[in-house]
PDB file of N, CA and C in Angstrom:
ATOM      1  N   UNK A   1     -11.393   4.755 -17.887  1.00  0.00           N
ATOM      2  CA  UNK A   1     -11.214   5.114 -16.669  1.00  0.00           C
ATOM      3  C   UNK A   1     -10.705   4.019 -15.619  1.00  0.00           C
ATOM      4  N   UNK A   2      -9.768   4.177 -14.922  1.00  0.00           N
ATOM      5  CA  UNK A   2      -9.296   3.139 -13.953  1.00  0.00           C
ATOM      6  C   UNK A   2      -9.868   3.576 -12.568  1.00  0.00           C
ATOM      7  N   UNK A   3     -10.251   2.552 -11.902  1.00  0.00           N
ATOM      8  CA  UNK A   3     -10.740   2.668 -10.558  1.00  0.00           C
ATOM      9  C   UNK A   3      -9.849   1.794  -9.722  1.00  0.00           C
ATOM     10  N   UNK A   4      -9.506   2.237  -8.508  1.00  0.00           N
ATOM     11  CA  UNK A   4      -8.759   1.549  -7.605  1.00  0.00           C
ATOM     12  C   UNK A   4      -9.477   1.560  -6.196  1.00  0.00           C
ATOM     13  N   UNK A   5      -9.636   0.478  -5.536  1.00  0.00           N
ATOM     14  CA  UNK A   5     -10.278   0.310  -4.389  1.00  0.00           C
ATOM     15  C   UNK A   5      -9.387  -0.205  -3.449  1.00  0.00           C
ATOM     16  N   UNK A   6      -9.022   0.566  -2.380  1.00  0.00           N
ATOM     17  CA  UNK A   6      -8.278   0.074  -1.291  1.00  0.00           C
ATOM     18  C   UNK A   6      -9.154  -0.508  -0.100  1.00  0.00           C
ATOM     19  N   UNK A   7      -8.615  -1.538   0.550  1.00  0.00           N
ATOM     20  CA  UNK A   7      -9.239  -1.931   1.756  1.00  0.00           C
ATOM     21  C   UNK A   7      -8.286  -2.684   2.765  1.00  0.00           C
ATOM     22  N   UNK A   8      -8.703  -2.749   4.042  1.00  0.00           N
ATOM     23  CA  UNK A   8      -7.790  -3.512   4.966  1.00  0.00           C
ATOM     24  C   UNK A   8      -7.227  -2.530   6.063  1.00  0.00           C
ATOM     25  N   UNK A   9      -7.600  -1.239   5.956  1.00  0.00           N
ATOM     26  CA  UNK A   9      -6.873  -0.375   6.922  1.00  0.00           C
ATOM     27  C   UNK A   9      -7.768  -0.467   8.318  1.00  0.00           C
ATOM     28  N   UNK A  10      -7.251   0.107   9.349  1.00  0.00           N
ATOM     29  CA  UNK A  10      -7.940   0.034  10.497  1.00  0.00           C
ATOM     30  C   UNK A  10      -7.065   0.541  11.795  1.00  0.00           C
ATOM     31  N   UNK A  11      -7.471   0.203  12.887  1.00  0.00           N
ATOM     32  CA  UNK A  11      -6.804   0.582  14.164  1.00  0.00           C
ATOM     33  C   UNK A  11      -6.103  -0.646  14.597  1.00  0.00           C
ATOM     34  N   UNK A  12      -4.713  -0.553  14.862  1.00  0.00           N
ATOM     35  CA  UNK A  12      -3.999  -1.623  15.485  1.00  0.00           C
ATOM     36  C   UNK A  12      -2.928  -1.060  16.459  1.00  0.00           C
ATOM     37  N   UNK A  13      -2.678  -1.968  17.339  1.00  0.00           N
ATOM     38  CA  UNK A  13      -1.622  -1.504  18.390  1.00  0.00           C
ATOM     39  C   UNK A  13      -0.328  -1.688  17.829  1.00  0.00           C
ATOM     40  N   UNK A  14       0.563  -0.956  18.272  1.00  0.00           N
ATOM     41  CA  UNK A  14       2.184  -1.002  17.955  1.00  0.00           C
ATOM     42  C   UNK A  14       2.591  -2.501  18.045  1.00  0.00           C
ATOM     43  N   UNK A  15       3.294  -2.942  17.066  1.00  0.00           N
ATOM     44  CA  UNK A  15       3.775  -4.371  16.877  1.00  0.00           C
ATOM     45  C   UNK A  15       2.870  -5.220  16.167  1.00  0.00           C
ATOM     46  N   UNK A  16       1.609  -4.648  15.891  1.00  0.00           N
ATOM     47  CA  UNK A  16       0.615  -5.453  15.177  1.00  0.00           C
ATOM     48  C   UNK A  16       0.723  -5.503  13.653  1.00  0.00           C
ATOM     49  N   UNK A  17      -0.208  -6.204  12.974  1.00  0.00           N
ATOM     50  CA  UNK A  17      -0.153  -6.339  11.590  1.00  0.00           C
ATOM     51  C   UNK A  17      -1.325  -5.959  10.900  1.00  0.00           C
ATOM     52  N   UNK A  18      -1.230  -5.456   9.565  1.00  0.00           N
ATOM     53  CA  UNK A  18      -2.450  -5.198   8.813  1.00  0.00           C
ATOM     54  C   UNK A  18      -2.134  -5.802   7.443  1.00  0.00           C
ATOM     55  N   UNK A  19      -3.053  -6.132   6.638  1.00  0.00           N
ATOM     56  CA  UNK A  19      -2.856  -6.460   5.091  1.00  0.00           C
ATOM     57  C   UNK A  19      -3.796  -5.518   4.541  1.00  0.00           C
ATOM     58  N   UNK A  20      -3.302  -4.699   3.565  1.00  0.00           N
ATOM     59  CA  UNK A  20      -3.958  -3.911   2.717  1.00  0.00           C
ATOM     60  C   UNK A  20      -4.152  -4.533   1.292  1.00  0.00           C
ATOM     61  N   UNK A  21      -5.282  -4.306   0.747  1.00  0.00           N
ATOM     62  CA  UNK A  21      -5.614  -4.705  -0.593  1.00  0.00           C
ATOM     63  C   UNK A  21      -6.033  -3.657  -1.606  1.00  0.00           C
ATOM     64  N   UNK A  22      -5.757  -3.523  -2.836  1.00  0.00           N
ATOM     65  CA  UNK A  22      -6.117  -2.601  -3.824  1.00  0.00           C
ATOM     66  C   UNK A  22      -6.491  -3.438  -5.030  1.00  0.00           C
ATOM     67  N   UNK A  23      -7.857  -3.378  -5.354  1.00  0.00           N
ATOM     68  CA  UNK A  23      -8.466  -3.888  -6.350  1.00  0.00           C
ATOM     69  C   UNK A  23      -8.737  -3.002  -7.463  1.00  0.00           C
ATOM     70  N   UNK A  24      -8.045  -3.436  -8.686  1.00  0.00           N
ATOM     71  CA  UNK A  24      -8.173  -2.413  -9.892  1.00  0.00           C
ATOM     72  C   UNK A  24      -9.243  -2.887 -10.925  1.00  0.00           C
ATOM     73  N   UNK A  25      -9.748  -1.868 -11.589  1.00  0.00           N
ATOM     74  CA  UNK A  25     -10.894  -2.169 -12.549  1.00  0.00           C
ATOM     75  C   UNK A  25     -10.339  -2.584 -13.865  1.00  0.00           C
ATOM     76  N   UNK A  26      -8.968  -2.592 -14.070  1.00  0.00           N
ATOM     77  CA  UNK A  26      -8.399  -2.923 -15.278  1.00  0.00           C
ATOM     78  C   UNK A  26      -7.247  -4.060 -15.066  1.00  0.00           C
ATOM     79  N   UNK A  27      -6.787  -4.379 -16.203  1.00  0.00           N
ATOM     80  CA  UNK A  27      -5.693  -5.500 -16.119  1.00  0.00           C
ATOM     81  C   UNK A  27      -4.403  -4.733 -15.650  1.00  0.00           C
ATOM     82  N   UNK A  28      -3.940  -5.215 -14.517  1.00  0.00           N
ATOM     83  CA  UNK A  28      -2.690  -4.646 -14.131  1.00  0.00           C
ATOM     84  C   UNK A  28      -1.313  -5.333 -14.531  1.00  0.00           C
ATOM     85  N   UNK A  29      -1.444  -6.214 -15.286  1.00  0.00           N
ATOM     86  CA  UNK A  29      -0.394  -7.226 -15.568  1.00  0.00           C
ATOM     87  C   UNK A  29       0.996  -6.445 -16.076  1.00  0.00           C
ATOM     88  N   UNK A  30       0.713  -5.507 -16.930  1.00  0.00           N
ATOM     89  CA  UNK A  30       1.959  -4.800 -17.472  1.00  0.00           C
ATOM     90  C   UNK A  30       2.443  -3.741 -16.814  1.00  0.00           C
ATOM     91  N   UNK A  31       1.879  -3.431 -15.709  1.00  0.00           N
ATOM     92  CA  UNK A  31       2.196  -2.165 -14.985  1.00  0.00           C
ATOM     93  C   UNK A  31       2.941  -2.223 -13.635  1.00  0.00           C
ATOM     94  N   UNK A  32       3.744  -1.287 -13.272  1.00  0.00           N
ATOM     95  CA  UNK A  32       4.213  -1.060 -12.057  1.00  0.00           C
ATOM     96  C   UNK A  32       3.098  -0.463 -11.120  1.00  0.00           C
ATOM     97  N   UNK A  33       2.933  -1.040  -9.994  1.00  0.00           N
ATOM     98  CA  UNK A  33       2.083  -0.827  -9.081  1.00  0.00           C
ATOM     99  C   UNK A  33       2.596  -0.346  -7.785  1.00  0.00           C
ATOM    100  N   UNK A  34       2.078   0.614  -7.062  1.00  0.00           N
ATOM    101  CA  UNK A  34       2.553   1.164  -5.778  1.00  0.00           C
ATOM    102  C   UNK A  34       1.717   1.441  -4.720  1.00  0.00           C
ATOM    103  N   UNK A  35       2.245   1.516  -3.461  1.00  0.00           N
ATOM    104  CA  UNK A  35       1.599   1.918  -2.300  1.00  0.00           C
ATOM    105  C   UNK A  35       2.256   3.201  -1.914  1.00  0.00           C
ATOM    106  N   UNK A  36       1.600   4.242  -1.519  1.00  0.00           N
ATOM    107  CA  UNK A  36       2.062   5.504  -0.967  1.00  0.00           C
ATOM    108  C   UNK A  36       1.251   5.892   0.254  1.00  0.00           C
ATOM    109  N   UNK A  37       1.697   6.623   1.047  1.00  0.00           N
ATOM    110  CA  UNK A  37       1.027   7.003   2.340  1.00  0.00           C
ATOM    111  C   UNK A  37       1.330   8.614   2.546  1.00  0.00           C
ATOM    112  N   UNK A  38       0.250   9.116   3.191  1.00  0.00           N
ATOM    113  CA  UNK A  38       0.322  10.535   3.612  1.00  0.00           C
ATOM    114  C   UNK A  38      -0.094  10.728   5.038  1.00  0.00           C
ATOM    115  N   UNK A  39       0.709  11.194   5.898  1.00  0.00           N
ATOM    116  CA  UNK A  39       0.446  11.292   7.231  1.00  0.00           C
ATOM    117  C   UNK A  39      -0.147  12.873   7.310  1.00  0.00           C
ATOM    118  N   UNK A  40      -0.877  13.143   8.410  1.00  0.00           N
ATOM    119  CA  UNK A  40      -1.339  14.536   8.584  1.00  0.00           C
ATOM    120  C   UNK A  40      -0.080  15.681   8.556  1.00  0.00           C
ATOM    121  N   UNK A  41      -0.358  16.605   7.812  1.00  0.00           N
ATOM    122  CA  UNK A  41       0.678  17.717   7.771  1.00  0.00           C
ATOM    123  C   UNK A  41       1.955  17.348   7.098  1.00  0.00           C
ATOM    124  N   UNK A  42       2.049  16.096   6.286  1.00  0.00           N
ATOM    125  CA  UNK A  42       3.090  15.820   5.445  1.00  0.00           C
ATOM    126  C   UNK A  42       2.714  15.319   4.261  1.00  0.00           C
ATOM    127  N   UNK A  43       3.907  15.542   3.481  1.00  0.00           N
ATOM    128  CA  UNK A  43       3.564  15.083   1.872  1.00  0.00           C
ATOM    129  C   UNK A  43       3.388  13.619   1.701  1.00  0.00           C
ATOM    130  N   UNK A  44       2.649  13.351   0.616  1.00  0.00           N
ATOM    131  CA  UNK A  44       2.650  11.892   0.267  1.00  0.00           C
ATOM    132  C   UNK A  44       3.967  11.260  -0.147  1.00  0.00           C
ATOM    133  N   UNK A  45       4.280  10.116   0.416  1.00  0.00           N
ATOM    134  CA  UNK A  45       5.540   9.412   0.189  1.00  0.00           C
ATOM    135  C   UNK A  45       5.344   7.994  -0.315  1.00  0.00           C
ATOM    136  N   UNK A  46       6.355   7.515  -0.997  1.00  0.00           N
ATOM    137  CA  UNK A  46       6.213   6.249  -1.474  1.00  0.00           C
ATOM    138  C   UNK A  46       6.613   5.318  -0.279  1.00  0.00           C
ATOM    139  N   UNK A  47       5.976   3.957  -0.350  1.00  0.00           N
ATOM    140  CA  UNK A  47       5.976   3.005   0.629  1.00  0.00           C
ATOM    141  C   UNK A  47       6.767   1.857  -0.161  1.00  0.00           C
ATOM    142  N   UNK A  48       6.051   1.577  -1.243  1.00  0.00           N
ATOM    143  CA  UNK A  48       6.664   0.312  -2.028  1.00  0.00           C
ATOM    144  C   UNK A  48       6.059   0.276  -3.398  1.00  0.00           C
ATOM    145  N   UNK A  49       6.934  -0.264  -4.134  1.00  0.00           N
ATOM    146  CA  UNK A  49       6.506  -0.544  -5.675  1.00  0.00           C
ATOM    147  C   UNK A  49       6.834  -1.974  -5.868  1.00  0.00           C
ATOM    148  N   UNK A  50       6.086  -2.367  -6.922  1.00  0.00           N
ATOM    149  CA  UNK A  50       6.315  -3.749  -7.612  1.00  0.00           C
ATOM    150  C   UNK A  50       6.073  -3.683  -9.022  1.00  0.00           C
ATOM    151  N   UNK A  51       7.169  -4.229  -9.699  1.00  0.00           N
ATOM    152  CA  UNK A  51       6.995  -4.242 -11.182  1.00  0.00           C
ATOM    153  C   UNK A  51       6.225  -5.382 -11.823  1.00  0.00           C
ATOM    154  N   UNK A  52       6.095  -5.257 -13.189  1.00  0.00           N
ATOM    155  CA  UNK A  52       5.287  -6.392 -13.821  1.00  0.00           C
ATOM    156  C   UNK A  52       5.755  -7.774 -13.596  1.00  0.00           C
ATOM    157  N   UNK A  53       7.327  -7.781 -13.376  1.00  0.00           N
ATOM    158  CA  UNK A  53       7.717  -9.109 -13.231  1.00  0.00           C
ATOM    159  C   UNK A  53       8.123  -9.530 -11.742  1.00  0.00           C
ATOM    160  N   UNK A  54       7.481  -8.606 -10.773  1.00  0.00           N
ATOM    161  CA  UNK A  54       7.693  -8.763  -9.328  1.00  0.00           C
ATOM    162  C   UNK A  54       8.811  -8.317  -8.710  1.00  0.00           C
ATOM    163  N   UNK A  55       9.639  -7.478  -9.284  1.00  0.00           N
ATOM    164  CA  UNK A  55      10.680  -6.909  -8.410  1.00  0.00           C
ATOM    165  C   UNK A  55      10.134  -5.778  -7.785  1.00  0.00           C
ATOM    166  N   UNK A  56      10.805  -5.629  -6.512  1.00  0.00           N
ATOM    167  CA  UNK A  56      10.132  -4.658  -5.411  1.00  0.00           C
ATOM    168  C   UNK A  56      11.093  -3.671  -4.946  1.00  0.00           C
ATOM    169  N   UNK A  57      10.660  -2.516  -4.390  1.00  0.00           N
ATOM    170  CA  UNK A  57      11.380  -1.522  -3.951  1.00  0.00           C
ATOM    171  C   UNK A  57      10.639  -0.796  -2.762  1.00  0.00           C
ATOM    172  N   UNK A  58      11.385  -0.601  -1.768  1.00  0.00           N
ATOM    173  CA  UNK A  58      10.662  -0.144  -0.413  1.00  0.00           C
ATOM    174  C   UNK A  58      11.343   1.163   0.033  1.00  0.00           C
ATOM    175  N   UNK A  59      10.628   1.829   0.755  1.00  0.00           N
ATOM    176  CA  UNK A  59      11.173   2.998   1.560  1.00  0.00           C
ATOM    177  C   UNK A  59      11.939   2.422   2.681  1.00  0.00           C
ATOM    178  N   UNK A  60      13.037   3.122   2.934  1.00  0.00           N
ATOM    179  CA  UNK A  60      14.096   2.604   4.016  1.00  0.00           C
ATOM    180  C   UNK A  60      13.289   2.415   5.219  1.00  0.00           C
ATOM    181  N   UNK A  61      12.243   3.321   5.570  1.00  0.00           N
ATOM    182  CA  UNK A  61      11.517   3.265   6.851  1.00  0.00           C
ATOM    183  C   UNK A  61      10.525   1.940   7.024  1.00  0.00           C
ATOM    184  N   UNK A  62      10.503   1.322   6.009  1.00  0.00           N
ATOM    185  CA  UNK A  62       9.513   0.068   5.984  1.00  0.00           C
ATOM    186  C   UNK A  62      10.168  -1.313   5.711  1.00  0.00           C
ATOM    187  N   UNK A  63      11.447  -1.118   5.126  1.00  0.00           N
ATOM    188  CA  UNK A  63      12.322  -2.340   4.730  1.00  0.00           C
ATOM    189  C   UNK A  63      12.299  -3.278   5.875  1.00  0.00           C
ATOM    190  N   UNK A  64      12.042  -4.649   5.601  1.00  0.00           N
ATOM    191  CA  UNK A  64      12.040  -5.681   6.533  1.00  0.00           C
ATOM    192  C   UNK A  64      10.752  -5.766   7.327  1.00  0.00           C
ATOM    193  N   UNK A  65       9.967  -4.930   7.115  1.00  0.00           N
ATOM    194  CA  UNK A  65       8.598  -4.946   8.019  1.00  0.00           C
ATOM    195  C   UNK A  65       7.378  -5.054   6.940  1.00  0.00           C
ATOM    196  N   UNK A  66       7.471  -4.509   5.858  1.00  0.00           N
ATOM    197  CA  UNK A  66       6.343  -4.334   4.882  1.00  0.00           C
ATOM    198  C   UNK A  66       6.739  -5.406   3.649  1.00  0.00           C
ATOM    199  N   UNK A  67       5.647  -5.897   3.001  1.00  0.00           N
ATOM    200  CA  UNK A  67       5.885  -6.635   1.879  1.00  0.00           C
ATOM    201  C   UNK A  67       4.778  -6.371   0.951  1.00  0.00           C
ATOM    202  N   UNK A  68       5.183  -6.017  -0.366  1.00  0.00           N
ATOM    203  CA  UNK A  68       4.301  -5.706  -1.465  1.00  0.00           C
ATOM    204  C   UNK A  68       4.070  -6.942  -2.423  1.00  0.00           C
ATOM    205  N   UNK A  69       3.057  -7.288  -2.747  1.00  0.00           N
ATOM    206  CA  UNK A  69       2.755  -8.349  -3.757  1.00  0.00           C
ATOM    207  C   UNK A  69       1.534  -8.240  -4.632  1.00  0.00           C
ATOM    208  N   UNK A  70       1.414  -8.950  -5.696  1.00  0.00           N
ATOM    209  CA  UNK A  70       0.554  -8.697  -6.696  1.00  0.00           C
ATOM    210  C   UNK A  70      -0.089 -10.143  -7.145  1.00  0.00           C
ATOM    211  N   UNK A  71      -1.377 -10.088  -7.374  1.00  0.00           N
ATOM    212  CA  UNK A  71      -2.001 -11.192  -7.957  1.00  0.00           C
ATOM    213  C   UNK A  71      -2.642 -10.744  -9.170  1.00  0.00           C
ATOM    214  N   UNK A  72      -1.968 -10.790 -10.432  1.00  0.00           N
ATOM    215  CA  UNK A  72      -2.462 -10.398 -11.621  1.00  0.00           C
ATOM    216  C   UNK A  72      -3.821 -10.853 -12.174  1.00  0.00           C
ATOM    217  N   UNK A  73      -4.063 -12.202 -11.789  1.00  0.00           N
ATOM    218  CA  UNK A  73      -5.307 -12.901 -12.119  1.00  0.00           C
ATOM    219  C   UNK A  73      -6.568 -12.157 -11.540  1.00  0.00           C
ATOM    220  N   UNK A  74      -6.082 -11.512 -10.272  1.00  0.00           N
ATOM    221  CA  UNK A  74      -7.322 -10.892  -9.466  1.00  0.00           C
ATOM    222  C   UNK A  74      -7.132  -9.310  -9.810  1.00  0.00           C
ATOM    223  N   UNK A  75      -6.135  -8.903 -10.426  1.00  0.00           N
ATOM    224  CA  UNK A  75      -6.024  -7.482 -10.773  1.00  0.00           C
ATOM    225  C   UNK A  75      -5.869  -6.675  -9.381  1.00  0.00           C
ATOM    226  N   UNK A  76      -5.193  -7.321  -8.240  1.00  0.00           N
ATOM    227  CA  UNK A  76      -5.052  -6.950  -6.915  1.00  0.00           C
ATOM    228  C   UNK A  76      -3.568  -6.780  -6.558  1.00  0.00           C
ATOM    229  N   UNK A  77      -3.351  -5.808  -5.767  1.00  0.00           N
ATOM    230  CA  UNK A  77      -2.070  -5.457  -5.057  1.00  0.00           C
ATOM    231  C   UNK A  77      -2.303  -5.494  -3.667  1.00  0.00           C
ATOM    232  N   UNK A  78      -1.252  -6.109  -2.890  1.00  0.00           N
ATOM    233  CA  UNK A  78      -1.355  -6.258  -1.362  1.00  0.00           C
ATOM    234  C   UNK A  78      -0.151  -5.603  -0.805  1.00  0.00           C
ATOM    235  N   UNK A  79      -0.385  -5.124   0.516  1.00  0.00           N
ATOM    236  CA  UNK A  79       0.612  -4.700   1.161  1.00  0.00           C
ATOM    237  C   UNK A  79       0.528  -5.153   2.641  1.00  0.00           C
ATOM    238  N   UNK A  80       1.413  -6.246   2.966  1.00  0.00           N
ATOM    239  CA  UNK A  80       1.448  -6.888   4.205  1.00  0.00           C
ATOM    240  C   UNK A  80       2.324  -6.024   5.117  1.00  0.00           C
ATOM    241  N   UNK A  81       1.645  -5.511   6.235  1.00  0.00           N
ATOM    242  CA  UNK A  81       2.461  -4.776   7.160  1.00  0.00           C
ATOM    243  C   UNK A  81       2.644  -5.272   8.574  1.00  0.00           C
ATOM    244  N   UNK A  82       3.885  -5.481   8.865  1.00  0.00           N
ATOM    245  CA  UNK A  82       4.163  -6.149  10.141  1.00  0.00           C
ATOM    246  C   UNK A  82       4.968  -5.331  10.999  1.00  0.00           C
ATOM    247  N   UNK A  83       4.968  -5.591  12.394  1.00  0.00           N
ATOM    248  CA  UNK A  83       5.658  -4.746  13.344  1.00  0.00           C
ATOM    249  C   UNK A  83       5.358  -3.350  13.127  1.00  0.00           C
ATOM    250  N   UNK A  84       4.007  -2.852  13.189  1.00  0.00           N
ATOM    251  CA  UNK A  84       3.605  -1.764  12.771  1.00  0.00           C
ATOM    252  C   UNK A  84       4.026  -0.813  13.946  1.00  0.00           C
ATOM    253  N   UNK A  85       4.365   0.534  13.648  1.00  0.00           N
ATOM    254  CA  UNK A  85       4.762   1.495  14.554  1.00  0.00           C
ATOM    255  C   UNK A  85       3.810   2.713  14.568  1.00  0.00           C
ATOM    256  N   UNK A  86       3.742   3.545  15.607  1.00  0.00           N
ATOM    257  CA  UNK A  86       2.851   4.743  15.424  1.00  0.00           C
ATOM    258  C   UNK A  86       3.213   5.653  14.335  1.00  0.00           C
ATOM    259  N   UNK A  87       4.432   5.735  13.965  1.00  0.00           N
ATOM    260  CA  UNK A  87       4.845   6.530  12.862  1.00  0.00           C
ATOM    261  C   UNK A  87       4.441   5.936  11.493  1.00  0.00           C
ATOM    262  N   UNK A  88       3.837   4.751  11.439  1.00  0.00           N
ATOM    263  CA  UNK A  88       3.238   4.405  10.214  1.00  0.00           C
ATOM    264  C   UNK A  88       1.734   4.860   9.879  1.00  0.00           C
ATOM    265  N   UNK A  89       1.283   5.661  11.041  1.00  0.00           N
ATOM    266  CA  UNK A  89      -0.101   6.101  10.790  1.00  0.00           C
ATOM    267  C   UNK A  89      -0.168   7.092   9.730  1.00  0.00           C
ATOM    268  N   UNK A  90      -1.121   6.820   8.862  1.00  0.00           N
ATOM    269  CA  UNK A  90      -1.261   7.673   7.631  1.00  0.00           C
ATOM    270  C   UNK A  90      -2.449   7.022   6.787  1.00  0.00           C
ATOM    271  N   UNK A  91      -2.794   7.785   5.796  1.00  0.00           N
ATOM    272  CA  UNK A  91      -3.808   7.293   4.825  1.00  0.00           C
ATOM    273  C   UNK A  91      -2.907   6.537   3.717  1.00  0.00           C
ATOM    274  N   UNK A  92      -3.220   5.421   3.528  1.00  0.00           N
ATOM    275  CA  UNK A  92      -2.362   4.553   2.467  1.00  0.00           C
ATOM    276  C   UNK A  92      -3.224   4.585   1.105  1.00  0.00           C
ATOM    277  N   UNK A  93      -2.363   4.933   0.109  1.00  0.00           N
ATOM    278  CA  UNK A  93      -2.959   5.025  -1.233  1.00  0.00           C
ATOM    279  C   UNK A  93      -2.289   3.999  -2.273  1.00  0.00           C
ATOM    280  N   UNK A  94      -3.268   3.521  -2.977  1.00  0.00           N
ATOM    281  CA  UNK A  94      -2.712   2.536  -4.116  1.00  0.00           C
ATOM    282  C   UNK A  94      -2.560   3.508  -5.365  1.00  0.00           C
ATOM    283  N   UNK A  95      -1.502   3.124  -6.183  1.00  0.00           N
ATOM    284  CA  UNK A  95      -1.108   3.821  -7.408  1.00  0.00           C
ATOM    285  C   UNK A  95      -1.068   2.905  -8.465  1.00  0.00           C
ATOM    286  N   UNK A  96      -1.912   3.130  -9.707  1.00  0.00           N
ATOM    287  CA  UNK A  96      -1.646   2.607 -11.059  1.00  0.00           C
ATOM    288  C   UNK A  96      -1.278   3.862 -11.731  1.00  0.00           C
ATOM    289  N   UNK A  97      -0.327   3.821 -12.778  1.00  0.00           N
ATOM    290  CA  UNK A  97       0.200   4.771 -13.460  1.00  0.00           C
ATOM    291  C   UNK A  97      -0.889   6.013 -13.867  1.00  0.00           C
ATOM    292  N   UNK A  98      -0.711   7.160 -13.249  1.00  0.00           N
ATOM    293  CA  UNK A  98      -1.576   8.274 -13.312  1.00  0.00           C
ATOM    294  C   UNK A  98      -2.941   8.230 -12.599  1.00  0.00           C
ATOM    295  N   UNK A  99      -3.085   7.216 -11.856  1.00  0.00           N
ATOM    296  CA  UNK A  99      -4.492   6.999 -11.188  1.00  0.00           C
ATOM    297  C   UNK A  99      -4.162   6.771  -9.660  1.00  0.00           C
ATOM    298  N   UNK A 100      -5.033   7.273  -8.802  1.00  0.00           N
ATOM    299  CA  UNK A 100      -4.968   6.973  -7.325  1.00  0.00           C
ATOM    300  C   UNK A 100      -6.251   6.357  -6.799  1.00  0.00           C
ATOM    301  N   UNK A 101      -6.155   5.580  -5.843  1.00  0.00           N
ATOM    302  CA  UNK A 101      -7.243   5.260  -5.092  1.00  0.00           C
ATOM    303  C   UNK A 101      -7.632   6.307  -4.128  1.00  0.00           C
ATOM    304  N   UNK A 102      -8.906   6.034  -3.260  1.00  0.00           N
ATOM    305  CA  UNK A 102      -9.267   7.062  -2.389  1.00  0.00           C
ATOM    306  C   UNK A 102      -8.541   6.962  -1.098  1.00  0.00           C
ATOM    307  N   UNK A 103      -7.899   5.949  -0.921  1.00  0.00           N
ATOM    308  CA  UNK A 103      -7.058   5.669   0.247  1.00  0.00           C
ATOM    309  C   UNK A 103      -7.797   5.000   1.353  1.00  0.00           C
ATOM    310  N   UNK A 104      -7.005   4.356   2.367  1.00  0.00           N
ATOM    311  CA  UNK A 104      -7.504   3.604   3.464  1.00  0.00           C
ATOM    312  C   UNK A 104      -6.730   4.080   4.682  1.00  0.00           C
ATOM    313  N   UNK A 105      -7.377   4.419   5.754  1.00  0.00           N
ATOM    314  CA  UNK A 105      -6.763   4.709   7.022  1.00  0.00           C
ATOM    315  C   UNK A 105      -5.999   3.651   7.802  1.00  0.00           C
ATOM    316  N   UNK A 106      -4.775   3.993   8.063  1.00  0.00           N
ATOM    317  CA  UNK A 106      -4.100   3.015   9.086  1.00  0.00           C
ATOM    318  C   UNK A 106      -3.780   3.905  10.098  1.00  0.00           C
ATOM    319  N   UNK A 107      -4.146   3.420  11.442  1.00  0.00           N
ATOM    320  CA  UNK A 107      -3.719   4.059  12.761  1.00  0.00           C
ATOM    321  C   UNK A 107      -3.211   3.211  13.538  1.00  0.00           C
ATOM    322  N   UNK A 108      -1.895   3.345  14.052  1.00  0.00           N
ATOM    323  CA  UNK A 108      -1.121   2.494  14.939  1.00  0.00           C
ATOM    324  C   UNK A 108      -1.104   3.244  16.335  1.00  0.00           C
ATOM    325  N   UNK A 109      -1.652   2.509  17.383  1.00  0.00           N
ATOM    326  CA  UNK A 109      -1.648   3.268  18.752  1.00  0.00           C
ATOM    327  C   UNK A 109      -0.405   2.672  19.330  1.00  0.00           C
ATOM    328  N   UNK A 110       0.279   3.568  20.213  1.00  0.00           N
ATOM    329  CA  UNK A 110       1.317   3.092  21.104  1.00  0.00           C
ATOM    330  C   UNK A 110       0.970   2.478  22.445  1.00  0.00           C
TER     331      UNK A 110
END
């Protein structure tokens, strides 16, 4: 059983920054890891992915503002979020293949 624990969410003003962390209970070295988000009344959507060799992919809406990274030694994935906008408000979920964390709330006030 894989456990994923997200942290780092909170309330921030527009233009601010937050750094999310996702700690996994297993070795993530060989796996693609991802961050997704779900806003009220909307479907869960991809935010960013990072491969085992560090290649990244971002949703168009966050390109240039968010950065995904990983520390395999700590089995942790990060999401640095800069220039936050009210439309970034959502619950952010960490993904390991076939597993999800419980999510962390990010609220951006205007």
